Protein backbone atom coordinates (compact mmCIF):
# COMPACT_ATOMS: atom_id res chain seq x y z
CA MET A 1 6.30 -20.75 8.67
CA THR A 2 6.20 -18.68 5.02
CA GLN A 3 3.78 -15.26 5.25
CA GLU A 4 0.71 -15.30 2.72
CA LYS A 5 1.95 -12.71 0.09
CA PRO A 6 -1.25 -10.39 -0.37
CA LEU A 7 -3.61 -10.47 -4.00
CA LEU A 8 -2.25 -7.81 -6.35
CA ARG A 9 -5.50 -5.81 -6.27
CA ALA A 10 -3.83 -2.66 -9.11
CA VAL A 11 -1.07 -1.70 -10.66
CA VAL A 12 -0.25 2.23 -11.47
CA LEU A 13 2.48 3.31 -13.61
CA ASP A 14 4.39 7.07 -13.90
CA PHE A 15 4.20 7.29 -17.79
CA ASP A 16 7.11 9.20 -18.98
CA GLY A 17 10.20 7.04 -18.10
CA VAL A 18 8.14 4.27 -17.23
CA ILE A 19 6.13 3.80 -19.93
CA VAL A 20 7.83 5.57 -22.67
CA GLU A 21 11.41 7.36 -23.05
CA SER A 22 10.26 10.60 -22.68
CA LEU A 23 12.78 12.05 -20.17
CA ASP A 24 15.67 13.70 -22.56
CA VAL A 25 12.86 14.65 -25.20
CA LYS A 26 11.48 17.07 -22.10
CA ALA A 27 15.26 17.67 -21.04
CA GLU A 28 15.51 19.16 -24.12
CA ALA A 29 12.83 21.09 -24.20
CA PHE A 30 13.70 22.90 -20.53
CA ALA A 31 17.08 23.54 -22.32
CA ILE A 32 15.54 25.59 -25.27
CA LEU A 33 12.64 27.10 -22.97
CA PHE A 34 15.51 28.85 -20.92
CA ALA A 35 18.42 29.01 -23.69
CA ASP A 36 18.03 32.94 -22.79
CA HIS A 37 19.56 32.31 -19.55
CA PRO A 38 22.60 30.65 -20.60
CA LYS A 39 24.51 30.26 -17.40
CA HIS A 40 21.44 28.73 -15.76
CA VAL A 41 20.83 26.23 -18.57
CA GLU A 42 22.62 22.96 -17.08
CA ALA A 43 21.71 23.82 -14.09
CA ILE A 44 17.71 23.49 -14.91
CA VAL A 45 18.24 20.32 -16.95
CA ARG A 46 19.80 18.71 -13.99
CA LEU A 47 17.21 20.12 -12.20
CA HIS A 48 14.33 18.20 -14.41
CA ARG A 49 16.26 15.10 -14.95
CA GLU A 50 17.10 14.55 -10.99
CA ASN A 51 13.26 15.16 -10.00
CA GLY A 52 11.14 12.94 -12.46
CA GLY A 53 7.82 12.65 -11.58
CA MET A 54 7.74 16.64 -10.17
CA SER A 55 5.13 18.39 -12.13
CA ARG A 56 6.73 20.92 -14.82
CA TYR A 57 4.83 23.81 -13.03
CA GLU A 58 6.83 23.04 -9.77
CA LYS A 59 10.10 22.84 -11.83
CA PHE A 60 8.99 26.37 -13.24
CA ARG A 61 8.58 27.61 -10.05
CA ILE A 62 12.18 26.69 -8.42
CA ILE A 63 13.64 27.49 -11.53
CA TYR A 64 12.19 31.42 -11.23
CA ARG A 65 12.65 31.50 -7.60
CA ASP A 66 16.11 29.38 -7.21
CA TYR A 67 18.31 30.10 -10.58
CA LEU A 68 16.63 33.75 -12.18
CA GLN A 69 15.35 34.98 -9.20
CA GLN A 70 12.26 36.79 -10.32
CA PRO A 71 9.06 36.80 -9.82
CA LEU A 72 6.31 34.26 -11.94
CA ASP A 73 3.04 35.55 -12.49
CA PRO A 74 0.18 33.19 -13.65
CA ALA A 75 0.67 34.84 -17.10
CA THR A 76 4.19 33.98 -17.63
CA MET A 77 3.57 30.50 -16.45
CA ASP A 78 0.44 29.81 -18.88
CA ALA A 79 2.88 31.01 -21.69
CA LEU A 80 5.94 28.31 -20.38
CA ASP A 81 2.97 26.00 -19.94
CA LEU A 82 1.89 26.22 -23.67
CA ARG A 83 5.50 27.03 -25.54
CA PHE A 84 6.62 23.40 -23.11
CA SER A 85 3.25 21.61 -24.32
CA SER A 86 4.64 22.56 -27.97
CA LEU A 87 7.94 21.15 -27.82
CA VAL A 88 6.98 18.22 -26.42
CA ARG A 89 3.92 17.13 -27.33
CA ASP A 90 4.35 15.47 -31.01
CA ARG A 91 8.14 14.08 -29.54
CA VAL A 92 6.22 12.21 -26.83
CA ILE A 93 3.75 10.46 -28.82
CA ALA A 94 6.84 9.48 -31.06
CA ALA A 95 8.94 8.18 -27.96
CA PRO A 96 9.87 4.93 -27.49
CA PHE A 97 8.59 2.30 -25.35
CA VAL A 98 10.73 1.29 -22.15
CA PRO A 99 12.05 -2.00 -22.90
CA GLY A 100 8.76 -4.39 -21.67
CA ALA A 101 6.64 -1.56 -21.35
CA LEU A 102 4.53 -2.56 -23.82
CA GLU A 103 4.39 -6.38 -23.38
CA PHE A 104 3.97 -5.39 -19.94
CA LEU A 105 0.42 -3.57 -20.32
CA GLN A 106 -0.67 -6.79 -22.95
CA LEU A 107 -0.02 -9.63 -20.32
CA MET A 108 -1.99 -7.58 -17.44
CA SER A 109 -4.49 -5.69 -19.09
CA GLY A 110 -8.15 -7.01 -17.91
CA ARG A 111 -6.65 -9.20 -15.32
CA ILE A 112 -5.55 -6.04 -13.16
CA PRO A 113 -6.79 -2.64 -12.79
CA LEU A 114 -3.78 -0.16 -14.80
CA TYR A 115 -3.46 3.07 -13.96
CA VAL A 116 -1.61 6.00 -15.05
CA VAL A 117 -0.68 9.12 -12.66
CA SER A 118 1.52 11.42 -14.29
CA ALA A 119 2.88 14.77 -13.83
CA THR A 120 2.05 15.79 -17.12
CA PRO A 121 -1.24 17.89 -17.17
CA GLN A 122 -4.32 16.26 -17.35
CA VAL A 123 -5.68 17.48 -20.93
CA GLU A 124 -2.20 16.37 -22.41
CA ILE A 125 -1.51 12.84 -20.90
CA GLU A 126 -5.12 11.99 -22.11
CA ALA A 127 -4.53 13.65 -25.41
CA ILE A 128 -1.17 11.80 -25.53
CA ILE A 129 -2.25 8.16 -24.57
CA GLY A 130 -5.60 8.73 -27.18
CA ALA A 131 -2.59 9.34 -29.82
CA ARG A 132 -0.78 6.49 -28.55
CA ARG A 133 -4.07 4.06 -29.08
CA LEU A 134 -3.37 3.29 -24.93
CA GLY A 135 -6.05 3.95 -23.87
CA VAL A 136 -7.94 0.50 -23.84
CA PHE A 137 -5.26 -0.55 -21.52
CA PHE A 138 -5.85 1.94 -18.50
CA LYS A 139 -8.72 1.84 -15.77
CA ALA A 140 -8.12 5.70 -15.71
CA VAL A 141 -5.46 8.20 -16.56
CA TYR A 142 -4.93 11.16 -13.99
CA GLY A 143 -2.44 14.18 -14.41
CA SER A 144 -1.09 17.33 -13.02
CA PRO A 145 -1.97 19.90 -11.62
CA THR A 146 -3.96 17.23 -9.37
CA PRO A 147 -0.82 15.90 -6.46
CA LYS A 148 0.23 12.63 -7.07
CA GLY A 149 -0.50 11.61 -3.82
CA GLU A 150 -3.32 12.78 -3.70
CA TRP A 151 -4.46 10.94 -7.25
CA LEU A 152 -3.00 7.51 -5.34
CA THR A 153 -5.00 8.02 -2.34
CA ARG A 154 -8.09 8.13 -4.64
CA ILE A 155 -6.99 5.23 -6.30
CA ALA A 156 -6.85 3.27 -3.28
CA VAL A 157 -10.45 4.36 -1.49
CA ARG A 158 -11.19 3.33 -5.33
CA GLU A 159 -9.69 -0.11 -5.70
CA GLY A 160 -10.77 -1.06 -1.46
CA GLY A 161 -9.01 -3.15 0.51
CA ASP A 162 -5.40 -2.64 2.38
CA PRO A 163 -3.23 -0.04 -0.38
CA ARG A 164 -0.36 -1.98 0.13
CA SER A 165 -1.90 -4.26 -2.19
CA ILE A 166 -1.57 -1.63 -4.56
CA VAL A 167 2.06 -0.62 -6.18
CA PHE A 168 3.27 2.32 -8.03
CA VAL A 169 5.88 2.19 -10.64
CA GLY A 170 7.49 5.40 -10.77
CA ASP A 171 10.94 6.85 -11.49
CA GLY A 172 11.88 10.16 -8.94
CA ARG A 173 11.44 10.64 -5.56
CA ALA A 174 8.25 12.32 -6.14
CA ASP A 175 7.14 8.98 -7.12
CA LEU A 176 8.19 7.54 -4.41
CA GLU A 177 6.69 10.24 -1.73
CA GLY A 178 3.24 9.98 -3.25
CA ALA A 179 3.37 6.20 -3.09
CA ARG A 180 4.16 6.04 0.33
CA GLN A 181 1.74 9.41 1.07
CA ALA A 182 -0.55 6.55 -0.08
CA GLY A 183 0.50 3.64 1.54
CA MET A 184 1.72 2.14 -1.81
CA ARG A 185 4.40 -0.32 -2.38
CA PHE A 186 6.98 1.01 -4.76
CA ILE A 187 8.95 0.07 -7.81
CA GLY A 188 11.50 2.75 -8.85
CA ARG A 189 12.90 2.39 -12.37
CA VAL A 190 16.62 3.27 -12.66
CA ARG A 191 17.27 3.68 -16.35
CA PRO A 192 21.18 2.52 -16.95
CA GLY A 193 23.35 5.11 -17.19
CA ASP A 194 21.42 7.57 -15.15
CA ARG A 195 22.11 8.64 -10.99
CA ASP A 196 19.78 6.79 -8.61
CA SER A 197 17.73 9.28 -7.43
CA PHE A 198 16.34 7.20 -4.59
CA GLY A 199 20.11 7.48 -3.02
CA GLU A 200 19.68 4.98 0.16
CA GLU A 201 15.81 4.47 0.03
CA THR A 202 14.47 1.28 1.22
CA ILE A 203 12.06 0.63 -1.90
CA ASP A 204 10.19 -2.50 -2.91
CA SER A 205 12.98 -2.65 -5.76
CA ARG A 206 14.85 -0.70 -8.37
CA VAL A 207 14.60 -1.88 -11.96
CA ALA A 208 16.49 -0.49 -15.11
CA ASP A 209 12.85 -1.60 -17.42
CA LEU A 210 10.34 -3.55 -17.76
CA ARG A 211 11.12 -6.46 -18.85
CA ASN A 212 11.30 -8.25 -16.16
CA ILE A 213 8.51 -6.49 -13.88
CA GLY A 214 5.63 -9.65 -14.12
CA ASP A 215 8.21 -11.58 -11.99
CA ILE A 216 9.07 -8.68 -9.42
CA LEU A 217 5.41 -8.70 -9.26
CA GLU A 218 4.93 -12.35 -8.74
CA SER A 219 7.61 -12.38 -5.92
CA LEU A 220 5.91 -9.40 -3.93
CA PHE A 221 2.36 -10.21 -4.26
CA THR A 222 -0.33 -13.07 -5.67
CA VAL A 223 -1.35 -12.02 -9.10
CA LYS A 224 -4.36 -14.26 -9.95
CA GLY A 225 -4.33 -14.65 -14.08
CA GLN A 226 -0.93 -13.34 -14.15
CA ALA A 227 1.10 -14.46 -17.62
CA SER A 228 4.10 -13.70 -15.65
CA ALA A 229 7.51 -12.91 -18.23
CA SER A 230 8.57 -16.84 -18.38
CA GLY A 231 5.41 -17.49 -19.41
CA ARG A 232 3.93 -18.93 -16.23
CA MET A 233 0.66 -18.32 -15.09
CA ALA A 234 0.25 -17.73 -11.39
């Protein structure tokens, strides 16, 4: 007997690297920010690229502790945060969509609740979503410093039912860990040519972009009223 698929209750998406192609913008910002430490720049950029979903604040702490081996006081953290924001904000607003992302939002909005859970600071991610006129698609937008796992757990409580009827689409191990903390399903985006940050981890699906995400969701869930990538209605 075929097991009945759960009804999809909500989709949660990371922003950078899942909705927009902005990881390179932020990699360049890390290189600029730490240009005075040239022997560490390559490792710092690699830290960023290999830890999608991790907040900039945590990356700053790791950089100062493990690479620069210097204390990181609150004033320095604030200065790094402000300069980083100034380097990336306008470029993230102008960054192209991940292929299929806008079409997915347009198809799914109004059919099921959509959320953003990002490592970008709350005020900044709200401003970026607003500038790109994407707010209409989302039930809520959440950012740091609140950890992703905490936001995802709150969403699961808000939507009710089994957390495994909700899926988080992310591109880093911090995203996977947050989904596991909340008891959600997980789809990992691995950009073509990039290292697979999920390694040997078993996840529900790996995708190169969001062009076929509708069909993947239909394979995992019962999706009411969803127009799939092939134009069918579930």
